[in-house]
């Protein structure tokens, strides 16, 4: 088996074991067995447990970011990009529950350097969502009413809510990725529309 293929198999196995058992409970021998690699050879490839975990975080973070960017296609209206990007996010996390568990539950708890990679992923996602919110506000004619600081705050809230909803979508087979995306964006869009709406005139005060 080519080295690249064998290493991919071992990373696949490691993500499954780390995702299900967590970093501390995961055993290198379990990963080697699941990958179908003889233990003496596995230790030549796997190096340390920490190195392997960091490699898993790096791969899963890159795969999730690629999926979201692929969903938010350039050229589409910003609101459509937001909806499709969220759909791609939930679709990916539902299809790769162990990978999402590694990123969302175990990487932060493990500390450096895996936590840094997860924060870099989140920063990228927040940046993408911020740009789309600003573009969507511009499309709605309310760009002047929405400052960048507000857009960043909305993006932080949207990404945080998506992270929470991923557990709901992944834990309930009846919930589709598109339903989760629509639920979140409908709520967010209602708040954004309210923020961009022209202020209603104040009611007249009592006559003297």
N, C-alpha and C. Protein backbone atom coordinates (compact mmCIF):
# COMPACT_ATOMS: atom_id res chain seq x y z
N UNK A 1 0.85 -1.19 0.00
CA UNK A 1 0.00 0.00 0.00
C UNK A 1 0.89 1.25 0.00
N UNK A 2 0.65 2.22 -0.89
CA UNK A 2 1.44 3.44 -0.90
C UNK A 2 1.39 4.15 0.45
N UNK A 3 2.47 4.82 0.79
CA UNK A 3 2.57 5.49 2.09
C UNK A 3 1.43 6.49 2.29
N UNK A 4 1.12 7.29 1.24
CA UNK A 4 0.07 8.30 1.38
C UNK A 4 -1.28 7.67 1.69
N UNK A 5 -1.57 6.54 1.06
CA UNK A 5 -2.84 5.85 1.31
C UNK A 5 -2.87 5.30 2.72
N UNK A 6 -1.76 4.71 3.15
CA UNK A 6 -1.69 4.14 4.50
C UNK A 6 -1.86 5.26 5.55
N UNK A 7 -1.22 6.38 5.32
CA UNK A 7 -1.34 7.48 6.27
C UNK A 7 -2.78 8.01 6.32
N UNK A 8 -3.45 8.06 5.15
CA UNK A 8 -4.85 8.50 5.15
C UNK A 8 -5.71 7.54 5.94
N UNK A 9 -5.47 6.24 5.79
CA UNK A 9 -6.23 5.25 6.55
C UNK A 9 -6.02 5.43 8.05
N UNK A 10 -4.78 5.72 8.43
CA UNK A 10 -4.49 5.89 9.85
C UNK A 10 -5.13 7.17 10.39
N UNK A 11 -5.15 8.23 9.59
CA UNK A 11 -5.82 9.44 10.04
C UNK A 11 -7.33 9.21 10.16
N UNK A 12 -7.91 8.48 9.20
CA UNK A 12 -9.34 8.14 9.28
C UNK A 12 -9.63 7.39 10.58
N UNK A 13 -8.80 6.42 10.87
CA UNK A 13 -8.99 5.63 12.09
C UNK A 13 -8.79 6.49 13.33
N UNK A 14 -7.79 7.36 13.30
CA UNK A 14 -7.52 8.20 14.46
C UNK A 14 -8.67 9.15 14.74
N UNK A 15 -9.25 9.74 13.69
CA UNK A 15 -10.39 10.64 13.88
C UNK A 15 -11.56 9.89 14.51
N UNK A 16 -11.80 8.67 14.07
CA UNK A 16 -12.90 7.89 14.64
C UNK A 16 -12.66 7.59 16.11
N UNK A 17 -11.44 7.19 16.46
CA UNK A 17 -11.13 6.84 17.85
C UNK A 17 -11.12 8.09 18.72
N UNK A 18 -10.46 9.15 18.29
CA UNK A 18 -10.43 10.38 19.08
C UNK A 18 -11.84 10.97 19.21
N UNK A 19 -12.61 10.94 18.13
CA UNK A 19 -13.95 11.51 18.17
C UNK A 19 -14.87 10.77 19.12
N UNK A 20 -14.72 9.46 19.20
CA UNK A 20 -15.61 8.66 20.06
C UNK A 20 -15.12 8.57 21.50
N UNK A 21 -13.80 8.54 21.70
CA UNK A 21 -13.25 8.29 23.03
C UNK A 21 -12.63 9.52 23.67
N UNK A 22 -12.32 10.53 22.88
CA UNK A 22 -11.58 11.67 23.41
C UNK A 22 -10.08 11.40 23.39
N UNK A 23 -9.32 12.45 23.61
CA UNK A 23 -7.86 12.33 23.49
C UNK A 23 -7.28 11.42 24.56
N UNK A 24 -7.66 11.63 25.80
CA UNK A 24 -7.02 10.90 26.89
C UNK A 24 -7.33 9.40 26.86
N UNK A 25 -8.55 9.05 26.51
CA UNK A 25 -8.93 7.63 26.52
C UNK A 25 -8.47 6.89 25.28
N UNK A 26 -8.16 7.61 24.22
CA UNK A 26 -7.77 6.96 22.96
C UNK A 26 -6.40 6.30 23.12
N UNK A 27 -6.27 5.12 22.54
CA UNK A 27 -5.01 4.37 22.61
C UNK A 27 -4.44 4.21 21.21
N UNK A 28 -3.14 4.37 21.09
CA UNK A 28 -2.48 4.24 19.80
C UNK A 28 -2.68 2.85 19.22
N UNK A 29 -2.70 1.83 20.06
CA UNK A 29 -2.89 0.46 19.57
C UNK A 29 -4.28 0.28 18.97
N UNK A 30 -5.28 0.94 19.56
CA UNK A 30 -6.63 0.87 19.01
C UNK A 30 -6.69 1.51 17.62
N UNK A 31 -5.98 2.61 17.48
CA UNK A 31 -5.96 3.30 16.18
C UNK A 31 -5.28 2.43 15.14
N UNK A 32 -4.15 1.82 15.52
CA UNK A 32 -3.43 0.96 14.58
C UNK A 32 -4.28 -0.24 14.17
N UNK A 33 -4.98 -0.82 15.13
CA UNK A 33 -5.83 -1.98 14.83
C UNK A 33 -6.97 -1.60 13.90
N UNK A 34 -7.62 -0.45 14.16
CA UNK A 34 -8.72 -0.02 13.32
C UNK A 34 -8.24 0.31 11.90
N UNK A 35 -7.02 0.83 11.80
CA UNK A 35 -6.46 1.16 10.49
C UNK A 35 -5.95 -0.06 9.75
N UNK A 36 -5.85 -1.20 10.45
CA UNK A 36 -5.34 -2.42 9.82
C UNK A 36 -3.85 -2.37 9.56
N UNK A 37 -3.13 -1.68 10.44
CA UNK A 37 -1.68 -1.53 10.29
C UNK A 37 -1.00 -2.30 11.42
N UNK A 38 -0.02 -3.15 11.12
CA UNK A 38 0.71 -3.85 12.18
C UNK A 38 1.32 -2.85 13.15
N UNK A 39 1.25 -3.16 14.44
CA UNK A 39 1.68 -2.21 15.46
C UNK A 39 3.13 -1.74 15.29
N UNK A 40 4.09 -2.62 15.00
CA UNK A 40 5.47 -2.12 14.83
C UNK A 40 5.57 -1.09 13.70
N UNK A 41 4.83 -1.32 12.61
CA UNK A 41 4.86 -0.38 11.50
C UNK A 41 4.07 0.87 11.83
N UNK A 42 3.00 0.70 12.58
CA UNK A 42 2.15 1.85 12.92
C UNK A 42 2.93 2.89 13.70
N UNK A 43 3.79 2.45 14.62
CA UNK A 43 4.52 3.42 15.44
C UNK A 43 5.54 4.19 14.63
N UNK A 44 5.97 3.63 13.49
CA UNK A 44 6.87 4.37 12.60
C UNK A 44 6.11 5.50 11.91
N UNK A 45 4.82 5.30 11.65
CA UNK A 45 4.01 6.29 10.95
C UNK A 45 3.36 7.28 11.92
N UNK A 46 2.88 6.76 13.03
CA UNK A 46 2.03 7.57 13.91
C UNK A 46 2.81 8.54 14.77
N UNK A 47 4.10 8.27 14.97
CA UNK A 47 4.92 9.11 15.84
C UNK A 47 4.28 9.18 17.23
N UNK A 48 4.03 10.40 17.74
CA UNK A 48 3.43 10.49 19.07
C UNK A 48 1.92 10.66 18.96
N UNK A 49 1.26 10.38 20.06
CA UNK A 49 -0.19 10.53 20.12
C UNK A 49 -0.58 11.99 19.91
N UNK A 50 0.17 12.90 20.50
CA UNK A 50 -0.13 14.32 20.35
C UNK A 50 0.03 14.78 18.91
N UNK A 51 1.10 14.34 18.25
CA UNK A 51 1.30 14.71 16.85
C UNK A 51 0.15 14.21 15.98
N UNK A 52 -0.28 12.99 16.27
CA UNK A 52 -1.37 12.41 15.49
C UNK A 52 -2.65 13.20 15.70
N UNK A 53 -2.93 13.59 16.94
CA UNK A 53 -4.14 14.35 17.24
C UNK A 53 -4.11 15.70 16.53
N UNK A 54 -2.98 16.37 16.57
CA UNK A 54 -2.84 17.67 15.91
C UNK A 54 -3.06 17.52 14.40
N UNK A 55 -2.53 16.43 13.83
CA UNK A 55 -2.74 16.18 12.40
C UNK A 55 -4.22 15.97 12.09
N UNK A 56 -4.93 15.29 12.99
CA UNK A 56 -6.38 15.08 12.80
C UNK A 56 -7.13 16.41 12.85
N UNK A 57 -6.79 17.26 13.81
CA UNK A 57 -7.44 18.57 13.93
C UNK A 57 -7.19 19.40 12.68
N UNK A 58 -5.95 19.39 12.22
CA UNK A 58 -5.59 20.15 11.02
C UNK A 58 -6.40 19.69 9.82
N UNK A 59 -6.50 18.38 9.63
CA UNK A 59 -7.23 17.86 8.47
C UNK A 59 -8.71 18.15 8.56
N UNK A 60 -9.32 17.93 9.72
CA UNK A 60 -10.75 18.12 9.86
C UNK A 60 -11.13 19.60 9.76
N UNK A 61 -10.30 20.47 10.30
CA UNK A 61 -10.57 21.91 10.19
C UNK A 61 -10.52 22.35 8.73
N UNK A 62 -9.53 21.87 8.00
CA UNK A 62 -9.42 22.22 6.59
C UNK A 62 -10.59 21.70 5.78
N UNK A 63 -11.04 20.48 6.09
CA UNK A 63 -12.15 19.89 5.35
C UNK A 63 -13.45 20.67 5.60
N UNK A 64 -13.67 21.08 6.84
CA UNK A 64 -14.89 21.84 7.16
C UNK A 64 -14.87 23.20 6.48
N UNK A 65 -13.74 23.89 6.54
CA UNK A 65 -13.65 25.20 5.92
C UNK A 65 -13.83 25.10 4.40
N UNK A 66 -13.26 24.08 3.80
CA UNK A 66 -13.42 23.87 2.36
C UNK A 66 -14.88 23.63 2.00
N UNK A 67 -15.59 22.85 2.84
CA UNK A 67 -17.00 22.57 2.58
C UNK A 67 -17.84 23.85 2.65
N UNK A 68 -17.59 24.69 3.66
CA UNK A 68 -18.37 25.92 3.81
C UNK A 68 -18.09 26.87 2.66
N UNK A 69 -16.84 27.02 2.30
CA UNK A 69 -16.49 27.91 1.18
C UNK A 69 -17.08 27.39 -0.13
N UNK A 70 -17.11 26.08 -0.28
CA UNK A 70 -17.70 25.52 -1.48
C UNK A 70 -19.19 25.75 -1.56
N UNK A 71 -19.85 25.78 -0.40
CA UNK A 71 -21.29 26.03 -0.38
C UNK A 71 -21.62 27.48 -0.69
N UNK A 72 -20.83 28.40 -0.15
CA UNK A 72 -21.06 29.83 -0.38
C UNK A 72 -20.38 30.24 -1.68
N UNK A 73 -21.06 30.00 -2.77
CA UNK A 73 -20.45 30.21 -4.09
C UNK A 73 -20.39 31.68 -4.47
N UNK A 74 -19.22 32.10 -4.93
CA UNK A 74 -19.05 33.48 -5.41
C UNK A 74 -20.00 33.75 -6.58
N UNK A 75 -20.53 34.94 -6.60
CA UNK A 75 -21.44 35.32 -7.68
C UNK A 75 -22.89 35.24 -7.28
N UNK A 76 -23.23 34.41 -6.27
CA UNK A 76 -24.60 34.35 -5.78
C UNK A 76 -24.88 35.55 -4.88
N UNK A 77 -26.15 35.94 -4.72
CA UNK A 77 -26.47 36.99 -3.76
C UNK A 77 -25.97 36.61 -2.36
N UNK A 78 -25.63 37.61 -1.59
CA UNK A 78 -25.03 37.36 -0.28
C UNK A 78 -25.93 36.53 0.63
N UNK A 79 -27.24 36.82 0.62
CA UNK A 79 -28.15 36.04 1.46
C UNK A 79 -28.15 34.57 1.05
N UNK A 80 -28.09 34.32 -0.26
CA UNK A 80 -28.04 32.94 -0.74
C UNK A 80 -26.72 32.27 -0.33
N UNK A 81 -25.64 33.02 -0.39
CA UNK A 81 -24.36 32.45 0.03
C UNK A 81 -24.37 32.09 1.52
N UNK A 82 -24.97 32.94 2.32
CA UNK A 82 -25.08 32.64 3.75
C UNK A 82 -25.87 31.36 3.99
N UNK A 83 -27.02 31.27 3.32
CA UNK A 83 -27.87 30.09 3.51
C UNK A 83 -27.17 28.83 3.02
N UNK A 84 -26.56 28.89 1.84
CA UNK A 84 -25.90 27.71 1.29
C UNK A 84 -24.63 27.36 2.08
N UNK A 85 -23.94 28.39 2.58
CA UNK A 85 -22.77 28.11 3.40
C UNK A 85 -23.14 27.42 4.70
N UNK A 86 -24.22 27.88 5.33
CA UNK A 86 -24.70 27.22 6.55
C UNK A 86 -25.17 25.80 6.26
N UNK A 87 -25.85 25.63 5.14
CA UNK A 87 -26.29 24.29 4.76
C UNK A 87 -25.08 23.37 4.60
N UNK A 88 -24.03 23.85 3.96
CA UNK A 88 -22.82 23.05 3.78
C UNK A 88 -22.17 22.74 5.12
N UNK A 89 -22.20 23.70 6.05
CA UNK A 89 -21.65 23.48 7.39
C UNK A 89 -22.37 22.33 8.09
N UNK A 90 -23.70 22.41 8.13
CA UNK A 90 -24.46 21.36 8.82
C UNK A 90 -24.37 20.03 8.08
N UNK A 91 -24.36 20.08 6.77
CA UNK A 91 -24.24 18.85 6.00
C UNK A 91 -22.92 18.15 6.31
N UNK A 92 -21.85 18.92 6.41
CA UNK A 92 -20.54 18.33 6.69
C UNK A 92 -20.48 17.78 8.11
N UNK A 93 -20.97 18.52 9.09
CA UNK A 93 -20.88 18.05 10.47
C UNK A 93 -21.75 16.82 10.71
N UNK A 94 -22.89 16.76 10.03
CA UNK A 94 -23.75 15.57 10.16
C UNK A 94 -23.09 14.35 9.53
N UNK A 95 -22.44 14.55 8.40
CA UNK A 95 -21.81 13.43 7.71
C UNK A 95 -20.50 12.98 8.36
N UNK A 96 -19.88 13.87 9.15
CA UNK A 96 -18.60 13.56 9.78
C UNK A 96 -18.68 13.85 11.27
N UNK A 97 -19.50 13.07 12.00
CA UNK A 97 -19.71 13.37 13.42
C UNK A 97 -18.44 13.23 14.26
N UNK A 98 -17.59 12.24 13.95
CA UNK A 98 -16.36 12.09 14.73
C UNK A 98 -15.42 13.26 14.49
N UNK A 99 -15.33 13.70 13.23
CA UNK A 99 -14.49 14.85 12.93
C UNK A 99 -14.98 16.11 13.63
N UNK A 100 -16.30 16.30 13.67
CA UNK A 100 -16.86 17.46 14.36
C UNK A 100 -16.62 17.35 15.86
N UNK A 101 -16.71 16.15 16.43
CA UNK A 101 -16.44 15.97 17.85
C UNK A 101 -14.99 16.31 18.18
N UNK A 102 -14.07 15.92 17.30
CA UNK A 102 -12.66 16.27 17.49
C UNK A 102 -12.48 17.78 17.54
N UNK A 103 -13.13 18.49 16.61
CA UNK A 103 -12.98 19.94 16.54
C UNK A 103 -13.71 20.66 17.66
N UNK A 104 -14.95 20.28 17.90
CA UNK A 104 -15.80 21.06 18.79
C UNK A 104 -15.65 20.70 20.26
N UNK A 105 -15.37 19.44 20.54
CA UNK A 105 -15.33 19.00 21.94
C UNK A 105 -13.91 18.74 22.46
N UNK A 106 -13.09 18.07 21.67
CA UNK A 106 -11.83 17.56 22.19
C UNK A 106 -10.64 18.48 21.95
N UNK A 107 -10.62 19.21 20.84
CA UNK A 107 -9.44 20.02 20.51
C UNK A 107 -9.23 21.15 21.52
N UNK A 108 -10.31 21.84 21.88
CA UNK A 108 -10.17 22.94 22.83
C UNK A 108 -9.73 22.42 24.20
N UNK A 109 -10.27 21.27 24.59
CA UNK A 109 -9.93 20.71 25.90
C UNK A 109 -8.48 20.25 25.95
N UNK A 110 -7.94 19.86 24.81
CA UNK A 110 -6.57 19.36 24.78
C UNK A 110 -5.55 20.48 24.91
N UNK A 111 -5.92 21.69 24.57
CA UNK A 111 -4.99 22.81 24.70
C UNK A 111 -4.15 22.98 23.45
N UNK A 112 -3.02 23.66 23.62
CA UNK A 112 -2.13 23.95 22.49
C UNK A 112 -1.51 22.66 21.96
N UNK A 113 -1.21 22.59 20.64
CA UNK A 113 -1.49 23.58 19.60
C UNK A 113 -2.82 23.35 18.89
N UNK A 114 -3.56 22.28 19.29
CA UNK A 114 -4.80 21.96 18.59
C UNK A 114 -5.86 23.04 18.82
N UNK A 115 -5.89 23.62 20.02
CA UNK A 115 -6.87 24.66 20.29
C UNK A 115 -6.62 25.88 19.41
N UNK A 116 -5.37 26.16 19.12
CA UNK A 116 -5.04 27.29 18.25
C UNK A 116 -5.57 27.06 16.84
N UNK A 117 -5.48 25.83 16.37
CA UNK A 117 -5.99 25.53 15.03
C UNK A 117 -7.50 25.69 14.97
N UNK A 118 -8.20 25.29 16.02
CA UNK A 118 -9.65 25.45 16.04
C UNK A 118 -10.03 26.93 16.08
N UNK A 119 -9.28 27.72 16.84
CA UNK A 119 -9.56 29.16 16.89
C UNK A 119 -9.29 29.81 15.53
N UNK A 120 -8.27 29.33 14.83
CA UNK A 120 -8.00 29.85 13.48
C UNK A 120 -9.15 29.51 12.54
N UNK A 121 -9.69 28.30 12.66
CA UNK A 121 -10.85 27.91 11.85
C UNK A 121 -12.03 28.82 12.15
N UNK A 122 -12.28 29.07 13.42
CA UNK A 122 -13.42 29.91 13.80
C UNK A 122 -13.24 31.34 13.29
N UNK A 123 -12.01 31.83 13.36
CA UNK A 123 -11.73 33.17 12.86
C UNK A 123 -12.02 33.27 11.36
N UNK A 124 -11.64 32.24 10.63
CA UNK A 124 -11.91 32.22 9.19
C UNK A 124 -13.42 32.22 8.92
N UNK A 125 -14.16 31.40 9.67
CA UNK A 125 -15.61 31.33 9.48
C UNK A 125 -16.28 32.65 9.83
N UNK A 126 -15.86 33.26 10.94
CA UNK A 126 -16.45 34.54 11.34
C UNK A 126 -16.13 35.61 10.30
N UNK A 127 -14.91 35.60 9.76
CA UNK A 127 -14.56 36.56 8.73
C UNK A 127 -15.41 36.40 7.48
N UNK A 128 -15.63 35.15 7.07
CA UNK A 128 -16.47 34.89 5.90
C UNK A 128 -17.90 35.37 6.13
N UNK A 129 -18.46 35.03 7.29
CA UNK A 129 -19.84 35.42 7.59
C UNK A 129 -19.96 36.94 7.72
N UNK A 130 -18.95 37.58 8.30
CA UNK A 130 -18.97 39.04 8.42
C UNK A 130 -19.06 39.69 7.05
N UNK A 131 -18.23 39.25 6.12
CA UNK A 131 -18.25 39.83 4.77
C UNK A 131 -19.60 39.62 4.11
N UNK A 132 -20.21 38.46 4.32
CA UNK A 132 -21.51 38.19 3.69
C UNK A 132 -22.62 39.01 4.34
N UNK A 133 -22.55 39.23 5.64
CA UNK A 133 -23.56 40.05 6.30
C UNK A 133 -23.48 41.49 5.80
N UNK A 134 -22.26 42.01 5.68
CA UNK A 134 -22.10 43.37 5.18
C UNK A 134 -22.63 43.47 3.74
N UNK A 135 -22.31 42.47 2.92
CA UNK A 135 -22.79 42.47 1.54
C UNK A 135 -24.31 42.36 1.49
N UNK A 136 -24.88 41.53 2.36
CA UNK A 136 -26.34 41.37 2.38
C UNK A 136 -27.01 42.67 2.81
N UNK A 137 -26.41 43.36 3.78
CA UNK A 137 -26.97 44.64 4.21
C UNK A 137 -26.90 45.65 3.08
N UNK A 138 -25.80 45.63 2.33
CA UNK A 138 -25.67 46.53 1.18
C UNK A 138 -26.73 46.23 0.13
N UNK A 139 -26.96 44.93 -0.11
CA UNK A 139 -27.99 44.53 -1.08
C UNK A 139 -29.37 45.01 -0.65
N UNK A 140 -29.58 45.03 0.67
CA UNK A 140 -30.88 45.45 1.19
C UNK A 140 -31.00 46.96 1.32
N UNK A 141 -29.94 47.65 0.94
CA UNK A 141 -29.97 49.10 1.01
C UNK A 141 -29.73 49.66 2.38
N UNK A 142 -29.14 48.84 3.26
CA UNK A 142 -28.93 49.32 4.62
C UNK A 142 -27.49 49.28 5.07
N UNK A 143 -26.56 49.35 4.12
CA UNK A 143 -25.15 49.27 4.48
C UNK A 143 -24.75 50.38 5.43
N UNK A 144 -25.32 51.58 5.23
CA UNK A 144 -24.94 52.70 6.08
C UNK A 144 -25.46 52.53 7.51
N UNK A 145 -26.48 51.66 7.68
CA UNK A 145 -27.06 51.47 9.00
C UNK A 145 -26.37 50.37 9.79
N UNK A 146 -25.41 49.67 9.15
CA UNK A 146 -24.77 48.54 9.80
C UNK A 146 -23.26 48.74 9.75
N UNK A 147 -22.66 49.01 10.89
CA UNK A 147 -21.22 49.19 10.95
C UNK A 147 -20.50 47.84 10.99
N UNK A 148 -19.19 47.87 10.74
CA UNK A 148 -18.43 46.62 10.74
C UNK A 148 -18.45 45.96 12.11
N UNK A 149 -18.37 46.75 13.16
CA UNK A 149 -18.38 46.17 14.50
C UNK A 149 -19.67 45.39 14.76
N UNK A 150 -20.78 45.95 14.32
CA UNK A 150 -22.05 45.25 14.47
C UNK A 150 -22.07 43.99 13.62
N UNK A 151 -21.53 44.07 12.40
CA UNK A 151 -21.50 42.90 11.53
C UNK A 151 -20.66 41.78 12.13
N UNK A 152 -19.54 42.14 12.74
CA UNK A 152 -18.69 41.13 13.39
C UNK A 152 -19.44 40.48 14.55
N UNK A 153 -20.15 41.31 15.33
CA UNK A 153 -20.92 40.75 16.45
C UNK A 153 -22.00 39.79 15.97
N UNK A 154 -22.69 40.17 14.89
CA UNK A 154 -23.71 39.28 14.32
C UNK A 154 -23.07 37.99 13.81
N UNK A 155 -21.91 38.11 13.18
CA UNK A 155 -21.23 36.93 12.66
C UNK A 155 -20.79 36.01 13.79
N UNK A 156 -20.27 36.58 14.87
CA UNK A 156 -19.88 35.78 16.02
C UNK A 156 -21.09 35.01 16.57
N UNK A 157 -22.23 35.71 16.69
CA UNK A 157 -23.44 35.07 17.19
C UNK A 157 -23.91 33.97 16.25
N UNK A 158 -23.84 34.22 14.95
CA UNK A 158 -24.32 33.25 13.97
C UNK A 158 -23.44 31.99 13.98
N UNK A 159 -22.13 32.17 14.02
CA UNK A 159 -21.22 31.01 14.06
C UNK A 159 -21.39 30.24 15.36
N UNK A 160 -21.52 30.96 16.48
CA UNK A 160 -21.73 30.27 17.76
C UNK A 160 -23.02 29.47 17.78
N UNK A 161 -24.08 30.06 17.23
CA UNK A 161 -25.35 29.34 17.17
C UNK A 161 -25.25 28.13 16.26
N UNK A 162 -24.52 28.26 15.15
CA UNK A 162 -24.34 27.12 14.24
C UNK A 162 -23.60 25.98 14.93
N UNK A 163 -22.61 26.32 15.73
CA UNK A 163 -21.87 25.29 16.48
C UNK A 163 -22.81 24.55 17.43
N UNK A 164 -23.70 25.28 18.08
CA UNK A 164 -24.64 24.64 19.00
C UNK A 164 -25.67 23.80 18.26
N UNK A 165 -26.19 24.33 17.17
CA UNK A 165 -27.21 23.61 16.41
C UNK A 165 -26.65 22.37 15.72
N UNK A 166 -25.34 22.33 15.50
CA UNK A 166 -24.74 21.15 14.87
C UNK A 166 -24.97 19.92 15.73
N UNK A 167 -24.98 20.09 17.05
CA UNK A 167 -25.27 18.96 17.93
C UNK A 167 -26.70 18.49 17.79
N UNK A 168 -27.62 19.43 17.61
CA UNK A 168 -29.03 19.07 17.40
C UNK A 168 -29.20 18.34 16.08
N UNK A 169 -28.61 18.89 15.01
CA UNK A 169 -28.76 18.27 13.70
C UNK A 169 -28.07 16.90 13.64
N UNK A 170 -26.94 16.78 14.33
CA UNK A 170 -26.23 15.51 14.32
C UNK A 170 -26.84 14.46 15.22
N UNK A 171 -27.57 14.89 16.25
CA UNK A 171 -28.13 13.95 17.20
C UNK A 171 -29.54 13.50 16.90
N UNK A 172 -30.21 14.17 15.97
CA UNK A 172 -31.59 13.84 15.62
C UNK A 172 -31.67 13.54 14.13
N UNK A 173 -31.79 12.27 13.75
CA UNK A 173 -31.82 11.92 12.32
C UNK A 173 -32.95 12.56 11.54
N UNK A 174 -33.99 13.01 12.24
CA UNK A 174 -35.11 13.62 11.53
C UNK A 174 -34.83 15.05 11.11
N UNK A 175 -33.77 15.65 11.65
CA UNK A 175 -33.42 17.03 11.33
C UNK A 175 -32.44 17.02 10.16
N UNK A 176 -32.80 17.67 9.07
CA UNK A 176 -31.92 17.73 7.92
C UNK A 176 -30.98 18.93 8.04
N UNK A 177 -29.89 18.86 7.30
CA UNK A 177 -28.94 19.97 7.29
C UNK A 177 -29.60 21.24 6.78
N UNK A 178 -30.45 21.12 5.76
CA UNK A 178 -31.12 22.30 5.22
C UNK A 178 -32.10 22.89 6.23
N UNK A 179 -32.76 22.03 6.99
CA UNK A 179 -33.69 22.54 8.01
C UNK A 179 -32.93 23.32 9.09
N UNK A 180 -31.81 22.78 9.52
CA UNK A 180 -31.01 23.45 10.54
C UNK A 180 -30.52 24.81 10.03
N UNK A 181 -30.06 24.84 8.77
CA UNK A 181 -29.58 26.10 8.19
C UNK A 181 -30.71 27.11 8.08
N UNK A 182 -31.87 26.67 7.61
CA UNK A 182 -33.01 27.58 7.45
C UNK A 182 -33.49 28.11 8.80
N UNK A 183 -33.53 27.24 9.80
CA UNK A 183 -33.96 27.66 11.13
C UNK A 183 -33.07 28.77 11.66
N UNK A 184 -31.77 28.57 11.55
CA UNK A 184 -30.84 29.55 12.08
C UNK A 184 -30.87 30.86 11.28
N UNK A 185 -30.85 30.75 9.97
CA UNK A 185 -30.78 31.96 9.16
C UNK A 185 -32.08 32.74 9.19
N UNK A 186 -33.22 32.05 9.31
CA UNK A 186 -34.49 32.77 9.40
C UNK A 186 -34.54 33.63 10.65
N UNK A 187 -34.03 33.08 11.75
CA UNK A 187 -34.00 33.85 13.01
C UNK A 187 -33.03 35.02 12.87
N UNK A 188 -31.84 34.73 12.32
CA UNK A 188 -30.84 35.78 12.18
C UNK A 188 -31.32 36.87 11.22
N UNK A 189 -31.97 36.46 10.15
CA UNK A 189 -32.41 37.44 9.14
C UNK A 189 -33.53 38.31 9.69
N UNK A 190 -34.36 37.76 10.56
CA UNK A 190 -35.40 38.57 11.18
C UNK A 190 -34.78 39.68 12.02
N UNK A 191 -33.75 39.31 12.79
CA UNK A 191 -33.07 40.32 13.60
C UNK A 191 -32.34 41.34 12.75
N UNK A 192 -31.72 40.90 11.68
CA UNK A 192 -31.00 41.83 10.80
C UNK A 192 -31.97 42.76 10.10
N UNK A 193 -33.10 42.22 9.64
CA UNK A 193 -34.09 43.06 8.96
C UNK A 193 -34.62 44.13 9.90
N UNK A 194 -34.81 43.76 11.16
CA UNK A 194 -35.28 44.74 12.15
C UNK A 194 -34.24 45.82 12.36
N UNK A 195 -32.97 45.41 12.37
CA UNK A 195 -31.89 46.37 12.58
C UNK A 195 -31.77 47.35 11.42
N UNK A 196 -32.05 46.87 10.20
CA UNK A 196 -31.90 47.72 9.02
C UNK A 196 -33.14 48.51 8.68
N UNK A 197 -34.27 48.18 9.32
CA UNK A 197 -35.52 48.87 8.99
C UNK A 197 -35.44 50.33 9.41
N UNK A 198 -36.05 51.21 8.64
CA UNK A 198 -36.06 52.63 9.03
C UNK A 198 -36.76 52.81 10.36
N UNK A 199 -36.26 53.72 11.16
CA UNK A 199 -36.88 53.96 12.46
C UNK A 199 -38.28 54.52 12.30
N UNK A 200 -39.21 54.00 13.06
CA UNK A 200 -40.59 54.49 13.00
C UNK A 200 -40.65 55.87 13.67
N UNK A 201 -41.47 56.74 13.13
CA UNK A 201 -41.59 58.08 13.77
C UNK A 201 -42.16 57.95 15.17
N UNK A 202 -41.69 58.78 16.05
CA UNK A 202 -42.17 58.74 17.44
C UNK A 202 -43.62 59.21 17.48
N UNK A 203 -44.39 58.56 18.31
CA UNK A 203 -45.80 59.00 18.42
C UNK A 203 -45.86 60.42 18.99
N UNK A 204 -46.84 61.17 18.58
CA UNK A 204 -46.94 62.55 19.10
C UNK A 204 -47.20 62.56 20.59
N UNK A 205 -46.60 63.49 21.26
CA UNK A 205 -46.80 63.61 22.71
C UNK A 205 -48.15 64.23 23.04
N UNK A 206 -48.50 64.23 24.28
CA UNK A 206 -49.79 64.83 24.69
C UNK A 206 -49.79 66.34 24.45
N UNK A 207 -50.93 66.85 24.10
CA UNK A 207 -51.04 68.30 23.92
C UNK A 207 -50.94 69.01 25.25
N UNK A 208 -50.32 70.16 25.18
CA UNK A 208 -50.24 70.91 26.46
C UNK A 208 -51.62 71.37 26.89
